[in-house]
Amino acid sequence: MMLASLICFTLLTGSAAEGLRGEAGLGRNASSAMNSTKSNATAAVKSATGYGYCSATDQSLMTAFGGGAGANSFPRILSDCGKRSFNIFTGFRQNDFVRCVTDSTQLQSTCASCFAISASYGASNCKWSCFWGSWCGQGCLNCVGVKNGEVQDCAGETIRIPTTTSC
C-alpha cells in the first residue's frame, strides 16, 4: 500500500529526479581515469586559493534571484529542478538537474553542478522530509544542510550563496 501511494504521488506531482545519481557502477577506462585525476588536481588548486567553480557572474545571478522560499527565489529554483530531476524508478539524474538549473538561472554548468551535491544527497537521504514534507520545512533543511559545506567548497569560499528561509 505504501509503495502504491508513493508511486501515485510521484506520478501525480511530476517529480522526476533523474540527474543526481552518480555513475558509480560504470567501468572507467584509462582516459576517464586521467581526466578524473586532472579534475581532482584542479579542485585542490581551486580549494587552496579560495576559488571554486562559481564565478562572480554566477554569484551576481544567484543574488538577483535572492534567498528565501519565494516562488522565484534561488533556493526554490533548486528545489523545483531537484523534483524535476527525480523519478522513483530511476532515481536522481544529475545531468538533468544541472541542465534545469542552467536553463532556469543562466549559471555556468560547472557552478550549477555544485548544487547537485546537496540535491543528490537530498534525493537519496531526505525523501520523507523534503518530498513528503515541505522542501523549505525545517526537517528538509536540516537533512540537506549537512551538505552545505561541500556545496560552499565547490562554489568557492568567497561566493555568497543565497540561503533558504524555513517555511
N, C-alpha and C. Protein backbone atom coordinates (compact mmCIF):
# COMPACT_ATOMS: atom_id res chain seq x y z
N MET A 1 0.83 -1.20 0.00
CA MET A 1 0.00 0.00 0.00
C MET A 1 0.87 1.25 0.00
N MET A 2 1.91 1.25 0.84
CA MET A 2 2.79 2.41 0.93
C MET A 2 3.48 2.66 -0.41
N LEU A 3 3.95 1.59 -1.07
CA LEU A 3 4.62 1.73 -2.35
C LEU A 3 3.66 2.28 -3.40
N ALA A 4 2.43 1.78 -3.39
CA ALA A 4 1.44 2.27 -4.35
C ALA A 4 1.17 3.75 -4.14
N SER A 5 1.08 4.18 -2.88
CA SER A 5 0.87 5.60 -2.58
C SER A 5 2.06 6.43 -3.04
N LEU A 6 3.25 5.90 -2.82
CA LEU A 6 4.46 6.60 -3.23
C LEU A 6 4.52 6.75 -4.75
N ILE A 7 4.19 5.70 -5.46
CA ILE A 7 4.20 5.74 -6.93
C ILE A 7 3.16 6.74 -7.43
N CYS A 8 1.96 6.68 -6.87
CA CYS A 8 0.91 7.62 -7.30
C CYS A 8 1.33 9.05 -7.03
N PHE A 9 1.89 9.31 -5.86
CA PHE A 9 2.32 10.67 -5.53
C PHE A 9 3.36 11.16 -6.53
N THR A 10 4.32 10.31 -6.83
CA THR A 10 5.39 10.70 -7.75
C THR A 10 4.83 10.98 -9.14
N LEU A 11 3.95 10.12 -9.60
CA LEU A 11 3.39 10.32 -10.94
C LEU A 11 2.49 11.54 -10.99
N LEU A 12 1.70 11.76 -9.93
CA LEU A 12 0.77 12.88 -9.92
C LEU A 12 1.47 14.22 -9.76
N THR A 13 2.57 14.25 -9.03
CA THR A 13 3.25 15.52 -8.81
C THR A 13 4.25 15.83 -9.90
N GLY A 14 4.55 14.86 -10.73
CA GLY A 14 5.51 15.10 -11.80
C GLY A 14 6.93 15.18 -11.29
N SER A 15 7.19 14.64 -10.13
CA SER A 15 8.54 14.64 -9.59
C SER A 15 9.37 13.65 -10.37
N ALA A 16 10.29 14.14 -11.18
CA ALA A 16 11.13 13.27 -11.98
C ALA A 16 12.58 13.62 -11.75
N ALA A 17 13.21 13.02 -10.73
CA ALA A 17 14.61 13.36 -10.43
C ALA A 17 15.53 12.34 -11.03
N GLU A 18 16.19 12.70 -12.07
CA GLU A 18 16.99 11.72 -12.75
C GLU A 18 18.45 12.09 -12.86
N GLY A 19 18.92 13.20 -12.41
CA GLY A 19 20.30 13.56 -12.68
C GLY A 19 21.21 13.64 -11.49
N LEU A 20 20.75 13.30 -10.29
CA LEU A 20 21.61 13.47 -9.14
C LEU A 20 22.44 12.24 -8.83
N ARG A 21 22.08 11.09 -9.39
CA ARG A 21 22.81 9.88 -9.09
C ARG A 21 24.07 9.85 -9.91
N GLY A 22 25.17 9.53 -9.26
CA GLY A 22 26.45 9.40 -9.95
C GLY A 22 26.47 8.13 -10.76
N GLU A 23 27.48 7.95 -11.55
CA GLU A 23 27.60 6.78 -12.38
C GLU A 23 28.62 5.84 -11.77
N ALA A 24 28.43 5.51 -10.49
CA ALA A 24 29.40 4.75 -9.73
C ALA A 24 29.59 3.34 -10.27
N GLY A 25 28.57 2.74 -10.81
CA GLY A 25 28.67 1.36 -11.25
C GLY A 25 29.33 1.20 -12.61
N LEU A 26 29.59 2.28 -13.29
CA LEU A 26 30.14 2.17 -14.62
C LEU A 26 31.65 2.02 -14.57
N GLY A 27 32.16 1.19 -15.45
CA GLY A 27 33.60 0.99 -15.52
C GLY A 27 34.28 2.22 -16.10
N ARG A 28 35.58 2.36 -15.82
CA ARG A 28 36.33 3.50 -16.33
C ARG A 28 37.46 2.99 -17.18
N ASN A 29 37.73 3.74 -18.22
CA ASN A 29 38.91 3.41 -19.00
C ASN A 29 40.05 4.33 -18.58
N ALA A 30 41.22 4.12 -19.15
CA ALA A 30 42.39 4.90 -18.74
C ALA A 30 42.19 6.39 -18.97
N SER A 31 41.54 6.76 -20.06
CA SER A 31 41.34 8.18 -20.36
C SER A 31 40.45 8.84 -19.32
N SER A 32 39.36 8.18 -18.94
CA SER A 32 38.48 8.80 -17.95
C SER A 32 39.16 8.85 -16.59
N ALA A 33 40.00 7.88 -16.29
CA ALA A 33 40.74 7.91 -15.03
C ALA A 33 41.71 9.09 -15.01
N MET A 34 42.36 9.37 -16.15
CA MET A 34 43.27 10.52 -16.24
C MET A 34 42.49 11.81 -16.05
N ASN A 35 41.32 11.92 -16.69
CA ASN A 35 40.51 13.12 -16.56
C ASN A 35 40.08 13.32 -15.12
N SER A 36 39.75 12.23 -14.43
CA SER A 36 39.36 12.31 -13.04
C SER A 36 40.51 12.84 -12.19
N THR A 37 41.71 12.36 -12.46
CA THR A 37 42.89 12.82 -11.73
C THR A 37 43.12 14.31 -11.97
N LYS A 38 42.97 14.75 -13.23
CA LYS A 38 43.13 16.17 -13.54
C LYS A 38 42.07 17.00 -12.83
N SER A 39 40.82 16.49 -12.79
CA SER A 39 39.75 17.21 -12.11
C SER A 39 40.04 17.34 -10.63
N ASN A 40 40.55 16.27 -10.03
CA ASN A 40 40.88 16.32 -8.61
C ASN A 40 41.99 17.32 -8.34
N ALA A 41 42.98 17.38 -9.22
CA ALA A 41 44.07 18.34 -9.05
C ALA A 41 43.55 19.77 -9.21
N THR A 42 42.68 19.99 -10.18
CA THR A 42 42.10 21.31 -10.38
C THR A 42 41.28 21.72 -9.15
N ALA A 43 40.51 20.78 -8.62
CA ALA A 43 39.70 21.06 -7.44
C ALA A 43 40.59 21.42 -6.26
N ALA A 44 41.70 20.74 -6.11
CA ALA A 44 42.61 21.03 -5.00
C ALA A 44 43.20 22.43 -5.12
N VAL A 45 43.57 22.82 -6.33
CA VAL A 45 44.12 24.17 -6.54
C VAL A 45 43.05 25.21 -6.26
N LYS A 46 41.84 24.99 -6.77
CA LYS A 46 40.77 25.95 -6.54
C LYS A 46 40.46 26.07 -5.06
N SER A 47 40.44 24.94 -4.37
CA SER A 47 40.16 24.97 -2.94
C SER A 47 41.25 25.71 -2.18
N ALA A 48 42.48 25.49 -2.55
CA ALA A 48 43.61 26.12 -1.85
C ALA A 48 43.63 27.63 -2.06
N THR A 49 43.14 28.10 -3.20
CA THR A 49 43.16 29.53 -3.48
C THR A 49 41.87 30.22 -3.07
N GLY A 50 40.86 29.45 -2.63
CA GLY A 50 39.60 30.04 -2.20
C GLY A 50 38.61 30.25 -3.32
N TYR A 51 38.95 29.83 -4.52
CA TYR A 51 38.05 29.98 -5.65
C TYR A 51 37.53 28.62 -6.05
N GLY A 52 36.26 28.55 -6.31
CA GLY A 52 35.64 27.30 -6.70
C GLY A 52 35.16 27.37 -8.13
N TYR A 53 34.09 26.67 -8.39
CA TYR A 53 33.58 26.55 -9.75
C TYR A 53 32.56 27.63 -10.11
N CYS A 54 32.21 28.49 -9.19
CA CYS A 54 31.28 29.58 -9.48
C CYS A 54 32.06 30.89 -9.63
N SER A 55 31.68 31.65 -10.61
CA SER A 55 32.34 32.93 -10.90
C SER A 55 31.59 34.08 -10.24
N ALA A 56 32.16 35.25 -10.34
CA ALA A 56 31.49 36.46 -9.85
C ALA A 56 30.18 36.68 -10.61
N THR A 57 30.18 36.35 -11.88
CA THR A 57 28.95 36.47 -12.67
C THR A 57 27.88 35.52 -12.15
N ASP A 58 28.29 34.28 -11.83
CA ASP A 58 27.35 33.32 -11.26
C ASP A 58 26.79 33.84 -9.95
N GLN A 59 27.65 34.40 -9.13
CA GLN A 59 27.19 34.95 -7.84
C GLN A 59 26.18 36.07 -8.08
N SER A 60 26.45 36.94 -9.04
CA SER A 60 25.50 38.03 -9.35
C SER A 60 24.14 37.48 -9.77
N LEU A 61 24.16 36.43 -10.57
CA LEU A 61 22.90 35.81 -11.00
C LEU A 61 22.15 35.22 -9.80
N MET A 62 22.86 34.50 -8.94
CA MET A 62 22.22 33.92 -7.75
C MET A 62 21.64 35.01 -6.87
N THR A 63 22.41 36.08 -6.68
CA THR A 63 21.97 37.20 -5.84
C THR A 63 20.72 37.85 -6.41
N ALA A 64 20.65 37.94 -7.72
CA ALA A 64 19.48 38.56 -8.36
C ALA A 64 18.20 37.75 -8.07
N PHE A 65 18.31 36.43 -8.02
CA PHE A 65 17.15 35.61 -7.68
C PHE A 65 16.84 35.70 -6.20
N GLY A 66 17.87 35.85 -5.39
CA GLY A 66 17.70 36.04 -3.95
C GLY A 66 17.47 34.75 -3.19
N GLY A 67 17.48 34.90 -1.88
CA GLY A 67 17.25 33.76 -0.99
C GLY A 67 15.80 33.69 -0.58
N GLY A 68 15.54 32.94 0.47
CA GLY A 68 14.18 32.81 0.98
C GLY A 68 13.52 31.54 0.52
N ALA A 69 12.21 31.61 0.37
CA ALA A 69 11.43 30.45 -0.05
C ALA A 69 10.38 30.84 -1.09
N GLY A 70 10.50 32.04 -1.63
CA GLY A 70 9.52 32.54 -2.59
C GLY A 70 9.56 31.81 -3.92
N ALA A 71 8.54 32.03 -4.71
CA ALA A 71 8.36 31.33 -5.98
C ALA A 71 9.54 31.48 -6.94
N ASN A 72 10.17 32.60 -6.99
CA ASN A 72 11.28 32.81 -7.93
C ASN A 72 12.63 32.93 -7.25
N SER A 73 12.71 32.50 -6.01
CA SER A 73 13.99 32.59 -5.28
C SER A 73 14.95 31.52 -5.79
N PHE A 74 16.24 31.75 -5.58
CA PHE A 74 17.24 30.79 -6.00
C PHE A 74 17.03 29.42 -5.32
N PRO A 75 16.77 29.38 -4.00
CA PRO A 75 16.52 28.08 -3.38
C PRO A 75 15.31 27.35 -3.97
N ARG A 76 14.26 28.10 -4.31
CA ARG A 76 13.06 27.46 -4.88
C ARG A 76 13.37 26.89 -6.26
N ILE A 77 14.16 27.59 -7.04
CA ILE A 77 14.55 27.08 -8.36
C ILE A 77 15.32 25.77 -8.20
N LEU A 78 16.24 25.72 -7.24
CA LEU A 78 16.99 24.49 -7.00
C LEU A 78 16.06 23.36 -6.59
N SER A 79 15.10 23.66 -5.72
CA SER A 79 14.14 22.65 -5.29
C SER A 79 13.31 22.14 -6.46
N ASP A 80 12.80 23.05 -7.26
CA ASP A 80 11.99 22.66 -8.42
C ASP A 80 12.79 21.80 -9.38
N CYS A 81 14.05 22.17 -9.63
CA CYS A 81 14.90 21.39 -10.53
C CYS A 81 15.19 20.01 -9.93
N GLY A 82 15.37 19.96 -8.61
CA GLY A 82 15.58 18.68 -7.96
C GLY A 82 14.39 17.75 -8.12
N LYS A 83 13.20 18.29 -7.96
CA LYS A 83 12.00 17.47 -8.10
C LYS A 83 11.82 17.01 -9.55
N ARG A 84 12.13 17.88 -10.49
CA ARG A 84 12.02 17.50 -11.91
C ARG A 84 13.06 16.46 -12.30
N SER A 85 14.14 16.40 -11.55
CA SER A 85 15.25 15.51 -11.90
C SER A 85 15.21 14.20 -11.13
N PHE A 86 14.11 13.93 -10.44
CA PHE A 86 13.98 12.70 -9.67
C PHE A 86 12.79 11.89 -10.15
N ASN A 87 13.01 10.59 -10.23
CA ASN A 87 11.96 9.66 -10.60
C ASN A 87 12.07 8.46 -9.68
N ILE A 88 10.98 7.99 -9.17
CA ILE A 88 11.01 6.89 -8.21
C ILE A 88 11.64 5.63 -8.80
N PHE A 89 11.58 5.45 -10.09
CA PHE A 89 12.12 4.25 -10.72
C PHE A 89 13.59 4.40 -11.12
N THR A 90 13.98 5.58 -11.51
CA THR A 90 15.36 5.77 -12.00
C THR A 90 16.23 6.55 -11.02
N GLY A 91 15.63 7.16 -10.02
CA GLY A 91 16.39 7.94 -9.05
C GLY A 91 16.69 9.34 -9.55
N PHE A 92 17.74 9.88 -9.00
CA PHE A 92 18.14 11.25 -9.31
C PHE A 92 19.11 11.26 -10.47
N ARG A 93 18.87 12.15 -11.43
CA ARG A 93 19.75 12.25 -12.60
C ARG A 93 20.41 13.63 -12.59
N GLN A 94 21.70 13.61 -12.29
CA GLN A 94 22.47 14.84 -12.12
C GLN A 94 22.49 15.69 -13.38
N ASN A 95 22.64 15.07 -14.53
CA ASN A 95 22.70 15.85 -15.78
C ASN A 95 21.43 16.64 -16.00
N ASP A 96 20.29 16.04 -15.70
CA ASP A 96 19.02 16.75 -15.85
C ASP A 96 18.92 17.91 -14.87
N PHE A 97 19.40 17.68 -13.65
CA PHE A 97 19.39 18.73 -12.63
C PHE A 97 20.24 19.92 -13.08
N VAL A 98 21.46 19.65 -13.51
CA VAL A 98 22.37 20.72 -13.93
C VAL A 98 21.78 21.47 -15.12
N ARG A 99 21.21 20.75 -16.07
CA ARG A 99 20.58 21.38 -17.23
C ARG A 99 19.43 22.28 -16.80
N CYS A 100 18.60 21.79 -15.90
CA CYS A 100 17.47 22.58 -15.40
C CYS A 100 17.95 23.86 -14.71
N VAL A 101 18.97 23.74 -13.85
CA VAL A 101 19.48 24.91 -13.14
C VAL A 101 20.09 25.91 -14.13
N THR A 102 20.86 25.43 -15.09
CA THR A 102 21.47 26.37 -16.05
C THR A 102 20.41 27.02 -16.93
N ASP A 103 19.41 26.26 -17.34
CA ASP A 103 18.33 26.83 -18.16
C ASP A 103 17.51 27.86 -17.37
N SER A 104 17.31 27.59 -16.08
CA SER A 104 16.47 28.46 -15.25
C SER A 104 17.19 29.69 -14.73
N THR A 105 18.52 29.62 -14.61
CA THR A 105 19.25 30.71 -13.95
C THR A 105 20.36 31.32 -14.80
N GLN A 106 20.78 30.63 -15.84
CA GLN A 106 21.90 31.04 -16.68
C GLN A 106 23.26 30.88 -15.99
N LEU A 107 23.31 30.14 -14.87
CA LEU A 107 24.60 29.85 -14.24
C LEU A 107 25.42 28.97 -15.18
N GLN A 108 26.74 29.04 -15.06
CA GLN A 108 27.60 28.12 -15.79
C GLN A 108 27.31 26.71 -15.28
N SER A 109 27.45 25.73 -16.14
CA SER A 109 27.16 24.35 -15.74
C SER A 109 28.11 23.88 -14.64
N THR A 110 29.35 24.37 -14.65
CA THR A 110 30.29 23.97 -13.59
C THR A 110 29.80 24.46 -12.23
N CYS A 111 29.25 25.64 -12.20
CA CYS A 111 28.70 26.19 -10.96
C CYS A 111 27.42 25.44 -10.58
N ALA A 112 26.53 25.25 -11.53
CA ALA A 112 25.27 24.56 -11.26
C ALA A 112 25.51 23.16 -10.72
N SER A 113 26.59 22.51 -11.17
CA SER A 113 26.87 21.15 -10.72
C SER A 113 27.20 21.11 -9.23
N CYS A 114 27.66 22.20 -8.66
CA CYS A 114 27.93 22.24 -7.22
C CYS A 114 26.65 21.99 -6.42
N PHE A 115 25.54 22.48 -6.90
CA PHE A 115 24.28 22.34 -6.18
C PHE A 115 23.69 20.94 -6.31
N ALA A 116 24.22 20.17 -7.27
CA ALA A 116 23.81 18.77 -7.40
C ALA A 116 24.30 17.95 -6.21
N ILE A 117 25.32 18.44 -5.51
CA ILE A 117 25.83 17.74 -4.32
C ILE A 117 24.71 17.58 -3.30
N SER A 118 24.07 18.67 -2.94
CA SER A 118 23.00 18.59 -1.94
C SER A 118 21.73 18.01 -2.53
N ALA A 119 21.47 18.26 -3.79
CA ALA A 119 20.26 17.71 -4.41
C ALA A 119 20.33 16.18 -4.46
N SER A 120 21.48 15.65 -4.82
CA SER A 120 21.67 14.20 -4.87
C SER A 120 21.54 13.60 -3.47
N TYR A 121 22.16 14.25 -2.51
CA TYR A 121 22.07 13.79 -1.12
C TYR A 121 20.61 13.81 -0.66
N GLY A 122 19.92 14.89 -0.97
CA GLY A 122 18.52 15.00 -0.57
C GLY A 122 17.65 13.92 -1.19
N ALA A 123 17.89 13.64 -2.47
CA ALA A 123 17.11 12.61 -3.15
C ALA A 123 17.36 11.23 -2.55
N SER A 124 18.58 11.01 -2.09
CA SER A 124 18.93 9.71 -1.51
C SER A 124 18.58 9.58 -0.03
N ASN A 125 18.64 10.67 0.70
CA ASN A 125 18.55 10.58 2.16
C ASN A 125 17.43 11.39 2.81
N CYS A 126 16.79 12.26 2.07
CA CYS A 126 15.83 13.17 2.70
C CYS A 126 14.45 13.14 2.04
N LYS A 127 14.11 12.04 1.39
CA LYS A 127 12.84 11.97 0.66
C LYS A 127 11.64 12.29 1.54
N TRP A 128 11.57 11.68 2.72
CA TRP A 128 10.40 11.84 3.57
C TRP A 128 10.22 13.28 4.00
N SER A 129 11.30 13.90 4.42
CA SER A 129 11.17 15.27 4.93
C SER A 129 11.08 16.31 3.83
N CYS A 130 11.60 16.00 2.64
CA CYS A 130 11.60 17.01 1.56
C CYS A 130 10.47 16.83 0.56
N PHE A 131 10.24 15.60 0.09
CA PHE A 131 9.20 15.38 -0.90
C PHE A 131 7.82 15.24 -0.26
N TRP A 132 7.79 14.58 0.91
CA TRP A 132 6.51 14.35 1.55
C TRP A 132 6.21 15.43 2.57
N GLY A 133 7.23 16.10 3.00
CA GLY A 133 7.07 17.27 3.85
C GLY A 133 7.11 18.49 2.94
N SER A 134 7.81 19.48 3.36
CA SER A 134 7.96 20.69 2.55
C SER A 134 9.42 20.88 2.21
N TRP A 135 9.70 21.26 0.98
CA TRP A 135 11.09 21.47 0.55
C TRP A 135 11.78 22.53 1.41
N CYS A 136 10.99 23.46 1.95
CA CYS A 136 11.58 24.51 2.77
C CYS A 136 11.24 24.34 4.25
N GLY A 137 10.71 23.19 4.60
CA GLY A 137 10.44 22.90 6.01
C GLY A 137 11.74 22.66 6.77
N GLN A 138 11.72 22.87 8.06
CA GLN A 138 12.93 22.74 8.86
C GLN A 138 13.53 21.34 8.79
N GLY A 139 12.68 20.31 8.72
CA GLY A 139 13.17 18.93 8.62
C GLY A 139 13.98 18.71 7.36
N CYS A 140 13.49 19.19 6.24
CA CYS A 140 14.21 19.07 4.97
C CYS A 140 15.49 19.89 4.99
N LEU A 141 15.41 21.11 5.46
CA LEU A 141 16.59 21.98 5.50
C LEU A 141 17.68 21.39 6.39
N ASN A 142 17.29 20.81 7.53
CA ASN A 142 18.27 20.18 8.42
C ASN A 142 18.91 18.97 7.75
N CYS A 143 18.11 18.17 7.08
CA CYS A 143 18.61 16.96 6.44
C CYS A 143 19.60 17.30 5.33
N VAL A 144 19.21 18.16 4.43
CA VAL A 144 20.06 18.52 3.28
C VAL A 144 21.21 19.42 3.72
N GLY A 145 21.03 20.13 4.81
CA GLY A 145 22.03 21.08 5.29
C GLY A 145 23.39 20.47 5.61
N VAL A 146 23.43 19.16 5.83
CA VAL A 146 24.72 18.53 6.12
C VAL A 146 25.68 18.63 4.93
N LYS A 147 25.16 18.95 3.76
CA LYS A 147 25.99 19.08 2.56
C LYS A 147 26.32 20.53 2.22
N ASN A 148 25.85 21.48 3.02
CA ASN A 148 26.09 22.90 2.72
C ASN A 148 27.57 23.24 2.62
N GLY A 149 28.39 22.66 3.48
CA GLY A 149 29.82 22.92 3.45
C GLY A 149 30.46 22.45 2.16
N GLU A 150 30.07 21.27 1.69
CA GLU A 150 30.60 20.75 0.42
C GLU A 150 30.17 21.62 -0.75
N VAL A 151 28.92 22.06 -0.73
CA VAL A 151 28.43 22.94 -1.80
C VAL A 151 29.22 24.24 -1.79
N GLN A 152 29.43 24.81 -0.61
CA GLN A 152 30.19 26.06 -0.50
C GLN A 152 31.62 25.86 -1.00
N ASP A 153 32.26 24.76 -0.62
CA ASP A 153 33.62 24.48 -1.09
C ASP A 153 33.66 24.37 -2.60
N CYS A 154 32.69 23.72 -3.17
CA CYS A 154 32.62 23.56 -4.63
C CYS A 154 32.42 24.91 -5.31
N ALA A 155 31.50 25.70 -4.79
CA ALA A 155 31.21 27.02 -5.37
C ALA A 155 32.39 27.96 -5.21
N GLY A 156 33.04 27.89 -4.07
CA GLY A 156 34.16 28.78 -3.76
C GLY A 156 33.88 29.49 -2.45
N GLU A 157 34.91 29.58 -1.62
CA GLU A 157 34.69 30.15 -0.29
C GLU A 157 34.30 31.62 -0.31
N THR A 158 34.59 32.31 -1.40
CA THR A 158 34.24 33.74 -1.49
C THR A 158 32.87 33.97 -2.10
N ILE A 159 32.22 32.91 -2.57
CA ILE A 159 30.91 33.03 -3.21
C ILE A 159 29.82 33.04 -2.14
N ARG A 160 28.95 34.03 -2.21
CA ARG A 160 27.82 34.11 -1.27
C ARG A 160 26.60 33.45 -1.92
N ILE A 161 26.22 32.31 -1.38
CA ILE A 161 25.09 31.55 -1.89
C ILE A 161 23.83 31.97 -1.14
N PRO A 162 22.77 32.35 -1.86
CA PRO A 162 21.53 32.74 -1.18
C PRO A 162 21.01 31.59 -0.32
N THR A 163 20.51 31.92 0.85
CA THR A 163 20.03 30.90 1.78
C THR A 163 18.52 30.75 1.73
N THR A 164 18.08 29.59 2.17
CA THR A 164 16.66 29.27 2.21
C THR A 164 16.08 29.69 3.55
N THR A 165 14.91 30.27 3.52
CA THR A 165 14.17 30.60 4.73
C THR A 165 13.19 29.47 4.98
N SER A 166 13.12 29.01 6.20
CA SER A 166 12.18 27.96 6.57
C SER A 166 10.75 28.47 6.37
N CYS A 167 9.90 27.60 5.86
CA CYS A 167 8.50 28.00 5.64
C CYS A 167 7.55 27.16 6.48
